[in-house]
Amino acid sequence: MTNRINLKDADSGSVIAMDVEDDTLMEEIIESAASFWNKDPGAYVVRSGDRILRGSTTFGESLIASWDQLELIPDPEGG
């Protein structure tokens, strides 16, 4: 199933809309957004509220709803 999410760049405040499947890995979302914003994908993670979504988690496993806004943030553990 295709889901649409909004992903916000925490550094600039810019927001992009992305279509993702239930089996899309967070790593793929990070790579796509990092490429769009010319960032190093290894230095960022996705956050939903107060939860950090690791790269090996799929969209379906994350329990995020379509149209939720996620945030691309610098990896708090370093990257």
PDB file of N, CA and C in Angstrom:
ATOM      1  N   MET A   1       0.842  -1.174   0.000  1.00  0.00           N
ATOM      2  CA  MET A   1       0.000   0.000   0.000  1.00  0.00           C
ATOM      3  C   MET A   1       0.892   1.245   0.000  1.00  0.00           C
ATOM      4  N   THR A   2       0.525   2.227  -0.791  1.00  0.00           N
ATOM      5  CA  THR A   2       1.284   3.470  -0.851  1.00  0.00           C
ATOM      6  C   THR A   2       0.773   4.444   0.203  1.00  0.00           C
ATOM      7  N   ASN A   3       1.706   5.039   0.915  1.00  0.00           N
ATOM      8  CA  ASN A   3       1.403   6.015   1.961  1.00  0.00           C
ATOM      9  C   ASN A   3       2.134   7.302   1.639  1.00  0.00           C
ATOM     10  N   ARG A   4       1.554   8.419   1.959  1.00  0.00           N
ATOM     11  CA  ARG A   4       2.224   9.707   1.775  1.00  0.00           C
ATOM     12  C   ARG A   4       2.594  10.248   3.146  1.00  0.00           C
ATOM     13  N   ILE A   5       3.859  10.657   3.265  1.00  0.00           N
ATOM     14  CA  ILE A   5       4.337  11.269   4.502  1.00  0.00           C
ATOM     15  C   ILE A   5       4.932  12.627   4.171  1.00  0.00           C
ATOM     16  N   ASN A   6       5.007  13.466   5.163  1.00  0.00           N
ATOM     17  CA  ASN A   6       5.725  14.731   5.057  1.00  0.00           C
ATOM     18  C   ASN A   6       6.982  14.583   5.890  1.00  0.00           C
ATOM     19  N   LEU A   7       8.109  14.968   5.308  1.00  0.00           N
ATOM     20  CA  LEU A   7       9.382  14.869   6.003  1.00  0.00           C
ATOM     21  C   LEU A   7       9.994  16.253   6.093  1.00  0.00           C
ATOM     22  N   LYS A   8      10.274  16.671   7.318  1.00  0.00           N
ATOM     23  CA  LYS A   8      10.807  18.009   7.574  1.00  0.00           C
ATOM     24  C   LYS A   8      12.301  17.926   7.857  1.00  0.00           C
ATOM     25  N   ASP A   9      13.061  18.816   7.242  1.00  0.00           N
ATOM     26  CA  ASP A   9      14.485  18.943   7.528  1.00  0.00           C
ATOM     27  C   ASP A   9      14.624  19.808   8.777  1.00  0.00           C
ATOM     28  N   ALA A  10      15.105  19.229   9.866  1.00  0.00           N
ATOM     29  CA  ALA A  10      15.220  19.964  11.128  1.00  0.00           C
ATOM     30  C   ALA A  10      16.174  21.146  11.016  1.00  0.00           C
ATOM     31  N   ASP A  11      17.160  21.062  10.127  1.00  0.00           N
ATOM     32  CA  ASP A  11      18.135  22.144   9.976  1.00  0.00           C
ATOM     33  C   ASP A  11      17.542  23.378   9.306  1.00  0.00           C
ATOM     34  N   SER A  12      16.780  23.163   8.229  1.00  0.00           N
ATOM     35  CA  SER A  12      16.289  24.298   7.432  1.00  0.00           C
ATOM     36  C   SER A  12      14.804  24.587   7.614  1.00  0.00           C
ATOM     37  N   GLY A  13      14.051  23.606   8.113  1.00  0.00           N
ATOM     38  CA  GLY A  13      12.608  23.761   8.233  1.00  0.00           C
ATOM     39  C   GLY A  13      11.859  23.412   6.958  1.00  0.00           C
ATOM     40  N   SER A  14      12.584  23.085   5.898  1.00  0.00           N
ATOM     41  CA  SER A  14      11.984  22.707   4.618  1.00  0.00           C
ATOM     42  C   SER A  14      11.248  21.375   4.764  1.00  0.00           C
ATOM     43  N   VAL A  15      10.126  21.233   4.055  1.00  0.00           N
ATOM     44  CA  VAL A  15       9.316  20.017   4.127  1.00  0.00           C
ATOM     45  C   VAL A  15       9.112  19.457   2.724  1.00  0.00           C
ATOM     46  N   ILE A  16       9.256  18.130   2.592  1.00  0.00           N
ATOM     47  CA  ILE A  16       8.952  17.457   1.334  1.00  0.00           C
ATOM     48  C   ILE A  16       7.906  16.381   1.598  1.00  0.00           C
ATOM     49  N   ALA A  17       7.105  16.089   0.588  1.00  0.00           N
ATOM     50  CA  ALA A  17       6.142  14.993   0.655  1.00  0.00           C
ATOM     51  C   ALA A  17       6.768  13.797  -0.046  1.00  0.00           C
ATOM     52  N   MET A  18       6.613  12.625   0.534  1.00  0.00           N
ATOM     53  CA  MET A  18       7.167  11.401  -0.031  1.00  0.00           C
ATOM     54  C   MET A  18       6.095  10.326  -0.047  1.00  0.00           C
ATOM     55  N   ASP A  19       6.094   9.536  -1.109  1.00  0.00           N
ATOM     56  CA  ASP A  19       5.253   8.350  -1.177  1.00  0.00           C
ATOM     57  C   ASP A  19       6.109   7.153  -0.794  1.00  0.00           C
ATOM     58  N   VAL A  20       5.647   6.371   0.169  1.00  0.00           N
ATOM     59  CA  VAL A  20       6.385   5.201   0.631  1.00  0.00           C
ATOM     60  C   VAL A  20       5.442   4.005   0.715  1.00  0.00           C
ATOM     61  N   GLU A  21       6.021   2.831   0.578  1.00  0.00           N
ATOM     62  CA  GLU A  21       5.277   1.582   0.729  1.00  0.00           C
ATOM     63  C   GLU A  21       5.451   1.081   2.159  1.00  0.00           C
ATOM     64  N   ASP A  22       4.607   0.145   2.579  1.00  0.00           N
ATOM     65  CA  ASP A  22       4.714  -0.413   3.925  1.00  0.00           C
ATOM     66  C   ASP A  22       6.065  -1.083   4.164  1.00  0.00           C
ATOM     67  N   ASP A  23       6.679  -1.630   3.089  1.00  0.00           N
ATOM     68  CA  ASP A  23       7.962  -2.320   3.245  1.00  0.00           C
ATOM     69  C   ASP A  23       9.170  -1.416   3.000  1.00  0.00           C
ATOM     70  N   THR A  24       8.949  -0.111   2.858  1.00  0.00           N
ATOM     71  CA  THR A  24      10.054   0.831   2.685  1.00  0.00           C
ATOM     72  C   THR A  24      10.807   0.970   4.000  1.00  0.00           C
ATOM     73  N   LEU A  25      12.124   0.796   3.935  1.00  0.00           N
ATOM     74  CA  LEU A  25      12.954   0.944   5.131  1.00  0.00           C
ATOM     75  C   LEU A  25      13.159   2.415   5.461  1.00  0.00           C
ATOM     76  N   MET A  26      13.268   2.715   6.748  1.00  0.00           N
ATOM     77  CA  MET A  26      13.586   4.087   7.161  1.00  0.00           C
ATOM     78  C   MET A  26      14.903   4.525   6.522  1.00  0.00           C
ATOM     79  N   GLU A  27      15.828   3.585   6.361  1.00  0.00           N
ATOM     80  CA  GLU A  27      17.111   3.878   5.715  1.00  0.00           C
ATOM     81  C   GLU A  27      16.893   4.436   4.305  1.00  0.00           C
ATOM     82  N   GLU A  28      15.935   3.877   3.571  1.00  0.00           N
ATOM     83  CA  GLU A  28      15.639   4.359   2.218  1.00  0.00           C
ATOM     84  C   GLU A  28      15.042   5.767   2.256  1.00  0.00           C
ATOM     85  N   ILE A  29      14.204   6.038   3.241  1.00  0.00           N
ATOM     86  CA  ILE A  29      13.621   7.373   3.405  1.00  0.00           C
ATOM     87  C   ILE A  29      14.726   8.375   3.725  1.00  0.00           C
ATOM     88  N   ILE A  30      15.630   7.991   4.629  1.00  0.00           N
ATOM     89  CA  ILE A  30      16.752   8.859   4.995  1.00  0.00           C
ATOM     90  C   ILE A  30      17.627   9.139   3.781  1.00  0.00           C
ATOM     91  N   GLU A  31      17.960   8.095   3.021  1.00  0.00           N
ATOM     92  CA  GLU A  31      18.822   8.261   1.846  1.00  0.00           C
ATOM     93  C   GLU A  31      18.184   9.178   0.816  1.00  0.00           C
ATOM     94  N   SER A  32      16.903   9.001   0.572  1.00  0.00           N
ATOM     95  CA  SER A  32      16.203   9.825  -0.408  1.00  0.00           C
ATOM     96  C   SER A  32      16.165  11.285   0.024  1.00  0.00           C
ATOM     97  N   ALA A  33      15.808  11.522   1.273  1.00  0.00           N
ATOM     98  CA  ALA A  33      15.731  12.896   1.780  1.00  0.00           C
ATOM     99  C   ALA A  33      17.113  13.535   1.849  1.00  0.00           C
ATOM    100  N   ALA A  34      18.102  12.775   2.291  1.00  0.00           N
ATOM    101  CA  ALA A  34      19.465  13.309   2.378  1.00  0.00           C
ATOM    102  C   ALA A  34      19.974  13.689   0.995  1.00  0.00           C
ATOM    103  N   SER A  35      19.659  12.887   0.011  1.00  0.00           N
ATOM    104  CA  SER A  35      20.055  13.209  -1.362  1.00  0.00           C
ATOM    105  C   SER A  35      19.374  14.490  -1.825  1.00  0.00           C
ATOM    106  N   PHE A  36      18.096  14.632  -1.534  1.00  0.00           N
ATOM    107  CA  PHE A  36      17.340  15.822  -1.931  1.00  0.00           C
ATOM    108  C   PHE A  36      17.933  17.081  -1.305  1.00  0.00           C
ATOM    109  N   TRP A  37      18.322  16.982  -0.027  1.00  0.00           N
ATOM    110  CA  TRP A  37      18.837  18.146   0.700  1.00  0.00           C
ATOM    111  C   TRP A  37      20.369  18.216   0.719  1.00  0.00           C
ATOM    112  N   ASN A  38      21.028  17.354  -0.074  1.00  0.00           N
ATOM    113  CA  ASN A  38      22.498  17.332  -0.148  1.00  0.00           C
ATOM    114  C   ASN A  38      23.145  17.150   1.223  1.00  0.00           C
ATOM    115  N   LYS A  39      22.711  16.115   1.926  1.00  0.00           N
ATOM    116  CA  LYS A  39      23.241  15.803   3.259  1.00  0.00           C
ATOM    117  C   LYS A  39      23.859  14.411   3.246  1.00  0.00           C
ATOM    118  N   ASP A  40      24.680  14.129   4.235  1.00  0.00           N
ATOM    119  CA  ASP A  40      25.278  12.806   4.408  1.00  0.00           C
ATOM    120  C   ASP A  40      24.247  11.900   5.081  1.00  0.00           C
ATOM    121  N   PRO A  41      23.736  10.872   4.374  1.00  0.00           N
ATOM    122  CA  PRO A  41      22.680  10.045   4.967  1.00  0.00           C
ATOM    123  C   PRO A  41      23.119   9.314   6.234  1.00  0.00           C
ATOM    124  N   GLY A  42      24.398   9.041   6.375  1.00  0.00           N
ATOM    125  CA  GLY A  42      24.880   8.337   7.559  1.00  0.00           C
ATOM    126  C   GLY A  42      24.864   9.176   8.821  1.00  0.00           C
ATOM    127  N   ALA A  43      24.656  10.465   8.674  1.00  0.00           N
ATOM    128  CA  ALA A  43      24.690  11.368   9.830  1.00  0.00           C
ATOM    129  C   ALA A  43      23.301  11.745  10.326  1.00  0.00           C
ATOM    130  N   TYR A  44      22.247  11.142   9.748  1.00  0.00           N
ATOM    131  CA  TYR A  44      20.875  11.541  10.079  1.00  0.00           C
ATOM    132  C   TYR A  44      20.005  10.344  10.404  1.00  0.00           C
ATOM    133  N   VAL A  45      18.959  10.598  11.173  1.00  0.00           N
ATOM    134  CA  VAL A  45      17.926   9.617  11.498  1.00  0.00           C
ATOM    135  C   VAL A  45      16.570  10.289  11.313  1.00  0.00           C
ATOM    136  N   VAL A  46      15.525   9.477  11.323  1.00  0.00           N
ATOM    137  CA  VAL A  46      14.162   9.999  11.227  1.00  0.00           C
ATOM    138  C   VAL A  46      13.537   9.951  12.616  1.00  0.00           C
ATOM    139  N   ARG A  47      12.844  11.028  12.964  1.00  0.00           N
ATOM    140  CA  ARG A  47      12.154  11.107  14.253  1.00  0.00           C
ATOM    141  C   ARG A  47      10.664  11.292  14.005  1.00  0.00           C
ATOM    142  N   SER A  48       9.874  10.591  14.803  1.00  0.00           N
ATOM    143  CA  SER A  48       8.423  10.764  14.812  1.00  0.00           C
ATOM    144  C   SER A  48       8.042  11.087  16.246  1.00  0.00           C
ATOM    145  N   GLY A  49       7.721  12.351  16.502  1.00  0.00           N
ATOM    146  CA  GLY A  49       7.459  12.769  17.878  1.00  0.00           C
ATOM    147  C   GLY A  49       8.728  12.633  18.691  1.00  0.00           C
ATOM    148  N   ASP A  50       8.683  11.814  19.739  1.00  0.00           N
ATOM    149  CA  ASP A  50       9.882  11.604  20.551  1.00  0.00           C
ATOM    150  C   ASP A  50      10.573  10.277  20.241  1.00  0.00           C
ATOM    151  N   ARG A  51      10.093   9.567  19.206  1.00  0.00           N
ATOM    152  CA  ARG A  51      10.678   8.274  18.826  1.00  0.00           C
ATOM    153  C   ARG A  51      11.684   8.442  17.695  1.00  0.00           C
ATOM    154  N   ILE A  52      12.845   7.828  17.840  1.00  0.00           N
ATOM    155  CA  ILE A  52      13.834   7.756  16.773  1.00  0.00           C
ATOM    156  C   ILE A  52      13.562   6.469  16.004  1.00  0.00           C
ATOM    157  N   LEU A  53      13.405   6.577  14.694  1.00  0.00           N
ATOM    158  CA  LEU A  53      13.123   5.417  13.849  1.00  0.00           C
ATOM    159  C   LEU A  53      14.416   4.999  13.155  1.00  0.00           C
ATOM    160  N   ARG A  54      14.949   3.877  13.525  1.00  0.00           N
ATOM    161  CA  ARG A  54      16.217   3.385  12.998  1.00  0.00           C
ATOM    162  C   ARG A  54      16.069   2.890  11.566  1.00  0.00           C
ATOM    163  N   GLY A  55      17.170   2.855  10.866  1.00  0.00           N
ATOM    164  CA  GLY A  55      17.190   2.538   9.443  1.00  0.00           C
ATOM    165  C   GLY A  55      16.620   1.191   9.066  1.00  0.00           C
ATOM    166  N   SER A  56      16.729   0.189   9.943  1.00  0.00           N
ATOM    167  CA  SER A  56      16.259  -1.154   9.615  1.00  0.00           C
ATOM    168  C   SER A  56      14.760  -1.339   9.837  1.00  0.00           C
ATOM    169  N   THR A  57      14.088  -0.338  10.370  1.00  0.00           N
ATOM    170  CA  THR A  57      12.641  -0.388  10.598  1.00  0.00           C
ATOM    171  C   THR A  57      11.913  -0.072   9.299  1.00  0.00           C
ATOM    172  N   THR A  58      10.867  -0.846   8.982  1.00  0.00           N
ATOM    173  CA  THR A  58      10.068  -0.527   7.801  1.00  0.00           C
ATOM    174  C   THR A  58       8.984   0.478   8.179  1.00  0.00           C
ATOM    175  N   PHE A  59       8.446   1.134   7.164  1.00  0.00           N
ATOM    176  CA  PHE A  59       7.364   2.080   7.407  1.00  0.00           C
ATOM    177  C   PHE A  59       6.198   1.366   8.098  1.00  0.00           C
ATOM    178  N   GLY A  60       5.850   0.178   7.625  1.00  0.00           N
ATOM    179  CA  GLY A  60       4.745  -0.577   8.210  1.00  0.00           C
ATOM    180  C   GLY A  60       4.975  -0.937   9.668  1.00  0.00           C
ATOM    181  N   GLU A  61       6.216  -1.280  10.024  1.00  0.00           N
ATOM    182  CA  GLU A  61       6.550  -1.632  11.409  1.00  0.00           C
ATOM    183  C   GLU A  61       6.537  -0.420  12.334  1.00  0.00           C
ATOM    184  N   SER A  62       6.710   0.753  11.770  1.00  0.00           N
ATOM    185  CA  SER A  62       6.856   1.963  12.583  1.00  0.00           C
ATOM    186  C   SER A  62       5.544   2.464  13.181  1.00  0.00           C
ATOM    187  N   LEU A  63       4.424   1.942  12.691  1.00  0.00           N
ATOM    188  CA  LEU A  63       3.090   2.345  13.157  1.00  0.00           C
ATOM    189  C   LEU A  63       2.803   3.824  12.907  1.00  0.00           C
ATOM    190  N   ILE A  64       3.407   4.365  11.870  1.00  0.00           N
ATOM    191  CA  ILE A  64       3.163   5.745  11.459  1.00  0.00           C
ATOM    192  C   ILE A  64       1.981   5.728  10.498  1.00  0.00           C
ATOM    193  N   ALA A  65       1.125   6.714  10.599  1.00  0.00           N
ATOM    194  CA  ALA A  65      -0.024   6.816   9.706  1.00  0.00           C
ATOM    195  C   ALA A  65       0.340   7.636   8.473  1.00  0.00           C
ATOM    196  N   SER A  66      -0.344   7.350   7.382  1.00  0.00           N
ATOM    197  CA  SER A  66      -0.179   8.154   6.181  1.00  0.00           C
ATOM    198  C   SER A  66      -0.457   9.611   6.521  1.00  0.00           C
ATOM    199  N   TRP A  67       0.311  10.498   5.969  1.00  0.00           N
ATOM    200  CA  TRP A  67       0.243  11.947   6.145  1.00  0.00           C
ATOM    201  C   TRP A  67       0.856  12.431   7.459  1.00  0.00           C
ATOM    202  N   ASP A  68       1.422  11.540   8.259  1.00  0.00           N
ATOM    203  CA  ASP A  68       2.142  11.994   9.450  1.00  0.00           C
ATOM    204  C   ASP A  68       3.356  12.807   9.027  1.00  0.00           C
ATOM    205  N   GLN A  69       3.759  13.733   9.864  1.00  0.00           N
ATOM    206  CA  GLN A  69       4.985  14.486   9.579  1.00  0.00           C
ATOM    207  C   GLN A  69       6.125  13.904  10.393  1.00  0.00           C
ATOM    208  N   LEU A  70       7.172  13.524   9.693  1.00  0.00           N
ATOM    209  CA  LEU A  70       8.386  13.024  10.311  1.00  0.00           C
ATOM    210  C   LEU A  70       9.447  14.098  10.194  1.00  0.00           C
ATOM    211  N   GLU A  71      10.549  13.907  10.908  1.00  0.00           N
ATOM    212  CA  GLU A  71      11.598  14.910  10.893  1.00  0.00           C
ATOM    213  C   GLU A  71      12.949  14.236  10.673  1.00  0.00           C
ATOM    214  N   LEU A  72      13.736  14.781   9.754  1.00  0.00           N
ATOM    215  CA  LEU A  72      15.102  14.326   9.527  1.00  0.00           C
ATOM    216  C   LEU A  72      15.998  15.137  10.456  1.00  0.00           C
ATOM    217  N   ILE A  73      16.643  14.434  11.399  1.00  0.00           N
ATOM    218  CA  ILE A  73      17.466  15.128  12.397  1.00  0.00           C
ATOM    219  C   ILE A  73      18.873  14.535  12.407  1.00  0.00           C
ATOM    220  N   PRO A  74      19.859  15.310  12.866  1.00  0.00           N
ATOM    221  CA  PRO A  74      21.200  14.740  13.034  1.00  0.00           C
ATOM    222  C   PRO A  74      21.140  13.569  14.017  1.00  0.00           C
ATOM    223  N   ASP A  75      21.873  12.506  13.715  1.00  0.00           N
ATOM    224  CA  ASP A  75      21.893  11.327  14.574  1.00  0.00           C
ATOM    225  C   ASP A  75      22.432  11.714  15.949  1.00  0.00           C
ATOM    226  N   PRO A  76      21.616  11.565  17.006  1.00  0.00           N
ATOM    227  CA  PRO A  76      22.069  11.957  18.341  1.00  0.00           C
ATOM    228  C   PRO A  76      23.246  11.116  18.840  1.00  0.00           C
ATOM    229  N   GLU A  77      23.465   9.953  18.225  1.00  0.00           N
ATOM    230  CA  GLU A  77      24.589   9.095  18.605  1.00  0.00           C
ATOM    231  C   GLU A  77      25.796   9.337  17.715  1.00  0.00           C
ATOM    232  N   GLY A  78      25.700  10.303  16.825  1.00  0.00           N
ATOM    233  CA  GLY A  78      26.789  10.584  15.881  1.00  0.00           C
ATOM    234  C   GLY A  78      26.631   9.753  14.627  1.00  0.00           C
ATOM    235  N   GLY A  79      27.220  10.221  13.546  1.00  0.00           N
ATOM    236  CA  GLY A  79      27.046   9.489  12.298  1.00  0.00           C
ATOM    237  C   GLY A  79      28.261   9.543  11.444  1.00  0.00           C
TER     238      GLY A  79
END
